Amino acid sequence: MCSFSLKLTGILVVGLFFQATSQAQDWNSQSAAEQQQIREMRLLEWYAQEQASQGVQTQQYIEQGQSQNTSLNQPSQQTPLVVPERGDLFDAANAGDIQQISKLLSQGLDINLYNRDRETALHMAAARGHFEVVMFLVKNGAYVNAPTVKNWIPLHHAVRFRHANIANFLIQRGSSAQARTSDGLTAIDMANNNRDYRLLSILGAR
């Protein structure tokens, strides 16, 4: 209140000084009552302008606060969570993409997931000759003797498509050369049918 009074007094003094210098003759010709009336009118005009200015600033503060509240109330836009699916794992195994497989496993996918034929990622990698993927899967818990619907284990796939290095690795990791498919074939039978003597040696048939 004191600050406002001082400000009002200062404005009034400046106004009176201006009037005294610019309109000295007219001012001197007027009576004291008329001079006082002019002062009061100008003071009222200044007060009205001051109030209007404060009202505009107050409205700006209100609008600014509403804008901030609106932005705070709006839900934050977050990147939608992508949930990995078993198909992603199978695609990565077929493509021989170890990095993608590792990423999917870190996101919670079971390494021994299977499709409707009960083929796992290890079956697929073995069939396509992705040796490094096969090693990675086995070292991370893939079942080397997981059977499909027709009782094919990953070793059968490796032998059928003549991937000797994968067959050798699976044998060393406990895969059975005597496991039979639903057609009664062992991995040895498959290698013999293909006359693949290297595979027969790996499988212990020679």
Protein backbone atom coordinates (compact mmCIF):
# COMPACT_ATOMS: atom_id res chain seq x y z
CA MET A 1 0.00 0.00 0.00
CA CYS A 2 2.87 2.34 0.84
CA SER A 3 4.59 1.53 -2.49
CA PHE A 4 1.38 2.30 -4.37
CA SER A 5 1.04 5.67 -2.60
CA LEU A 6 4.61 6.64 -3.41
CA LYS A 7 4.13 5.63 -7.03
CA LEU A 8 0.90 7.64 -7.22
CA THR A 9 2.59 10.66 -5.68
CA GLY A 10 5.49 10.43 -8.13
CA ILE A 11 3.19 10.24 -11.13
CA LEU A 12 1.19 13.19 -9.85
CA VAL A 13 4.33 15.32 -9.37
CA VAL A 14 5.56 14.52 -12.89
CA GLY A 15 2.16 15.38 -14.29
CA LEU A 16 2.05 18.69 -12.46
CA PHE A 17 5.53 19.55 -13.59
CA PHE A 18 4.63 18.82 -17.21
CA GLN A 19 1.55 20.93 -16.95
CA ALA A 20 3.51 23.79 -15.37
CA THR A 21 6.06 23.91 -18.17
CA SER A 22 3.84 23.30 -21.22
CA GLN A 23 0.70 25.19 -20.31
CA ALA A 24 1.91 27.83 -17.93
CA GLN A 25 -0.21 30.63 -19.22
CA ASP A 26 -3.49 28.68 -19.32
CA TRP A 27 -2.79 27.22 -15.94
CA ASN A 28 -2.12 30.57 -14.33
CA SER A 29 -5.34 31.98 -15.74
CA GLN A 30 -7.44 29.30 -14.08
CA SER A 31 -8.74 29.44 -10.57
CA ALA A 32 -7.46 27.23 -7.80
CA ALA A 33 -10.70 25.20 -7.85
CA GLU A 34 -10.40 24.57 -11.59
CA GLN A 35 -6.76 23.56 -11.22
CA GLN A 36 -7.66 21.09 -8.46
CA GLN A 37 -10.44 19.61 -10.62
CA ILE A 38 -8.01 19.09 -13.50
CA ARG A 39 -5.57 17.35 -11.17
CA GLU A 40 -8.26 15.00 -9.89
CA MET A 41 -9.50 14.15 -13.39
CA ARG A 42 -6.01 13.32 -14.61
CA LEU A 43 -5.33 11.28 -11.51
CA LEU A 44 -8.51 9.28 -12.11
CA GLU A 45 -7.52 8.71 -15.75
CA TRP A 46 -4.09 7.43 -14.68
CA TYR A 47 -5.63 5.15 -12.05
CA ALA A 48 -8.05 3.68 -14.58
CA GLN A 49 -5.19 2.97 -17.01
CA GLU A 50 -3.14 1.35 -14.23
CA GLN A 51 -6.01 -0.93 -13.25
CA ALA A 52 -6.60 -1.94 -16.85
CA SER A 53 -2.91 -2.80 -17.26
CA GLN A 54 -2.91 -4.94 -14.13
CA GLY A 55 -6.04 -6.72 -15.32
CA VAL A 56 -4.35 -7.70 -18.60
CA GLN A 57 -1.30 -9.04 -16.76
CA THR A 58 -3.50 -11.04 -14.39
CA GLN A 59 -5.38 -12.59 -17.32
CA GLN A 60 -2.07 -13.53 -18.96
CA TYR A 61 -0.91 -15.24 -15.76
CA ILE A 62 -4.20 -17.16 -15.57
CA GLU A 63 -3.99 -18.30 -19.19
CA GLN A 64 -0.36 -19.32 -18.75
CA GLY A 65 -1.24 -21.38 -15.66
CA GLN A 66 -4.10 -23.07 -17.47
CA SER A 67 -1.80 -23.93 -20.36
CA GLN A 68 0.74 -25.50 -18.00
CA ASN A 69 -1.96 -27.48 -16.19
CA THR A 70 -3.30 -28.73 -19.51
CA SER A 71 0.11 -29.97 -20.57
CA LEU A 72 0.62 -31.65 -17.19
CA ASN A 73 -2.75 -33.37 -17.34
CA GLN A 74 -2.16 -34.75 -20.82
CA PRO A 75 -0.81 -38.32 -20.81
CA SER A 76 2.81 -38.55 -21.82
CA GLN A 77 3.39 -40.06 -25.22
CA GLN A 78 5.56 -43.09 -24.65
CA THR A 79 6.92 -45.52 -27.16
CA PRO A 80 4.52 -48.44 -27.22
CA LEU A 81 5.92 -51.59 -25.69
CA VAL A 82 6.66 -54.18 -28.36
CA VAL A 83 5.99 -57.70 -27.10
CA PRO A 84 8.13 -60.29 -28.92
CA GLU A 85 6.39 -63.32 -30.40
CA ARG A 86 7.60 -66.81 -31.12
CA GLY A 87 7.45 -66.10 -34.83
CA ASP A 88 10.14 -63.48 -34.35
CA LEU A 89 12.41 -66.10 -32.83
CA PHE A 90 11.77 -68.55 -35.67
CA ASP A 91 12.44 -65.86 -38.28
CA ALA A 92 15.73 -64.97 -36.63
CA ALA A 93 16.76 -68.65 -36.44
CA ASN A 94 15.94 -69.21 -40.10
CA ALA A 95 17.92 -66.10 -41.03
CA GLY A 96 20.89 -67.01 -38.81
CA ASP A 97 20.60 -63.73 -36.91
CA ILE A 98 22.30 -64.33 -33.54
CA GLN A 99 21.97 -60.73 -32.41
CA GLN A 100 18.22 -60.76 -32.94
CA ILE A 101 17.89 -64.11 -31.17
CA SER A 102 19.89 -62.77 -28.23
CA LYS A 103 17.67 -59.68 -28.08
CA LEU A 104 14.48 -61.73 -28.13
CA LEU A 105 15.73 -64.01 -25.38
CA SER A 106 16.61 -60.99 -23.25
CA GLN A 107 13.02 -59.81 -23.71
CA GLY A 108 11.74 -63.01 -22.14
CA LEU A 109 11.10 -65.44 -24.99
CA ASP A 110 11.61 -69.11 -24.15
CA ILE A 111 14.41 -70.59 -26.25
CA ASN A 112 12.46 -73.85 -26.57
CA LEU A 113 9.26 -72.40 -28.00
CA TYR A 114 7.85 -74.44 -30.89
CA ASN A 115 5.42 -74.02 -33.76
CA ARG A 116 2.39 -76.14 -34.58
CA ASP A 117 4.68 -78.89 -35.90
CA ARG A 118 6.64 -78.64 -32.62
CA GLU A 119 9.71 -77.40 -34.44
CA THR A 120 11.96 -75.24 -32.30
CA ALA A 121 14.46 -72.58 -33.29
CA LEU A 122 17.16 -75.24 -33.01
CA HIS A 123 15.41 -77.46 -35.56
CA MET A 124 15.27 -74.52 -37.98
CA ALA A 125 18.86 -73.41 -37.53
CA ALA A 126 20.09 -77.02 -37.90
CA ALA A 127 18.09 -77.53 -41.10
CA ARG A 128 19.51 -74.37 -42.69
CA GLY A 129 23.11 -74.95 -41.68
CA HIS A 130 23.51 -71.97 -39.34
CA PHE A 131 26.30 -73.49 -37.27
CA GLU A 132 26.97 -70.49 -35.05
CA VAL A 133 23.27 -70.12 -34.29
CA VAL A 134 23.06 -73.80 -33.39
CA MET A 135 25.96 -73.44 -30.98
CA PHE A 136 24.47 -70.31 -29.46
CA LEU A 137 21.07 -71.92 -28.96
CA VAL A 138 22.45 -75.09 -27.40
CA LYS A 139 24.76 -73.16 -25.08
CA ASN A 140 21.76 -71.13 -23.96
CA GLY A 141 19.58 -74.11 -23.09
CA ALA A 142 17.97 -75.38 -26.29
CA TYR A 143 16.96 -79.05 -26.07
CA VAL A 144 19.14 -81.07 -28.46
CA ASN A 145 16.67 -83.97 -28.52
CA ALA A 146 13.43 -81.97 -28.72
CA PRO A 147 11.02 -83.99 -30.92
CA THR A 148 8.66 -82.60 -33.50
CA VAL A 149 5.17 -83.96 -34.14
CA LYS A 150 6.81 -86.63 -36.34
CA ASN A 151 9.59 -87.25 -33.79
CA TRP A 152 12.29 -85.44 -35.72
CA ILE A 153 15.03 -84.11 -33.49
CA PRO A 154 17.45 -81.36 -34.63
CA LEU A 155 20.03 -83.99 -35.53
CA HIS A 156 17.66 -85.47 -38.11
CA HIS A 157 17.38 -82.06 -39.78
CA ALA A 158 21.16 -81.60 -39.82
CA VAL A 159 21.73 -85.04 -41.34
CA ARG A 160 18.92 -84.74 -43.87
CA PHE A 161 20.39 -81.53 -45.26
CA ARG A 162 23.94 -82.86 -44.88
CA HIS A 163 25.34 -80.34 -42.43
CA ALA A 164 28.15 -82.47 -41.02
CA ASN A 165 29.60 -79.83 -38.67
CA ILE A 166 26.22 -79.30 -37.02
CA ALA A 167 25.59 -83.04 -36.74
CA ASN A 168 28.99 -83.49 -35.10
CA PHE A 169 28.31 -80.69 -32.62
CA LEU A 170 24.88 -82.07 -31.70
CA ILE A 171 26.30 -85.55 -31.17
CA GLN A 172 28.93 -84.12 -28.85
CA ARG A 173 26.17 -82.35 -26.92
CA GLY A 174 24.19 -85.53 -26.30
CA SER A 175 21.98 -85.85 -29.35
CA SER A 176 21.05 -89.47 -30.12
CA ALA A 177 21.99 -91.00 -33.45
CA GLN A 178 19.56 -93.84 -32.65
CA ALA A 179 16.48 -91.64 -32.18
CA ARG A 180 13.78 -92.64 -34.65
CA THR A 181 11.30 -90.53 -36.51
CA SER A 182 7.66 -91.53 -36.74
CA ASP A 183 8.65 -93.26 -40.01
CA GLY A 184 11.17 -95.38 -38.11
CA LEU A 185 14.27 -93.70 -39.49
CA THR A 186 17.38 -92.91 -37.48
CA ALA A 187 19.96 -90.28 -38.39
CA ILE A 188 22.22 -93.15 -39.45
CA ASP A 189 19.54 -94.43 -41.84
CA MET A 190 19.28 -90.96 -43.40
CA ALA A 191 23.06 -90.67 -43.83
CA ASN A 192 23.19 -94.16 -45.31
CA ASN A 193 20.41 -93.35 -47.77
CA ASN A 194 22.39 -90.32 -48.90
CA ARG A 195 25.60 -92.38 -48.99
CA ASP A 196 27.21 -89.68 -46.92
CA TYR A 197 30.17 -91.52 -45.44
CA ARG A 198 31.42 -88.51 -43.57
CA LEU A 199 28.14 -88.26 -41.71
CA LEU A 200 28.13 -92.03 -41.13
CA SER A 201 31.55 -91.68 -39.52
CA ILE A 202 30.39 -88.80 -37.34
CA LEU A 203 27.32 -90.77 -36.27
CA GLY A 204 29.51 -93.77 -35.33
CA ALA A 205 28.21 -96.08 -38.04
CA ARG A 206 31.64 -96.70 -39.55
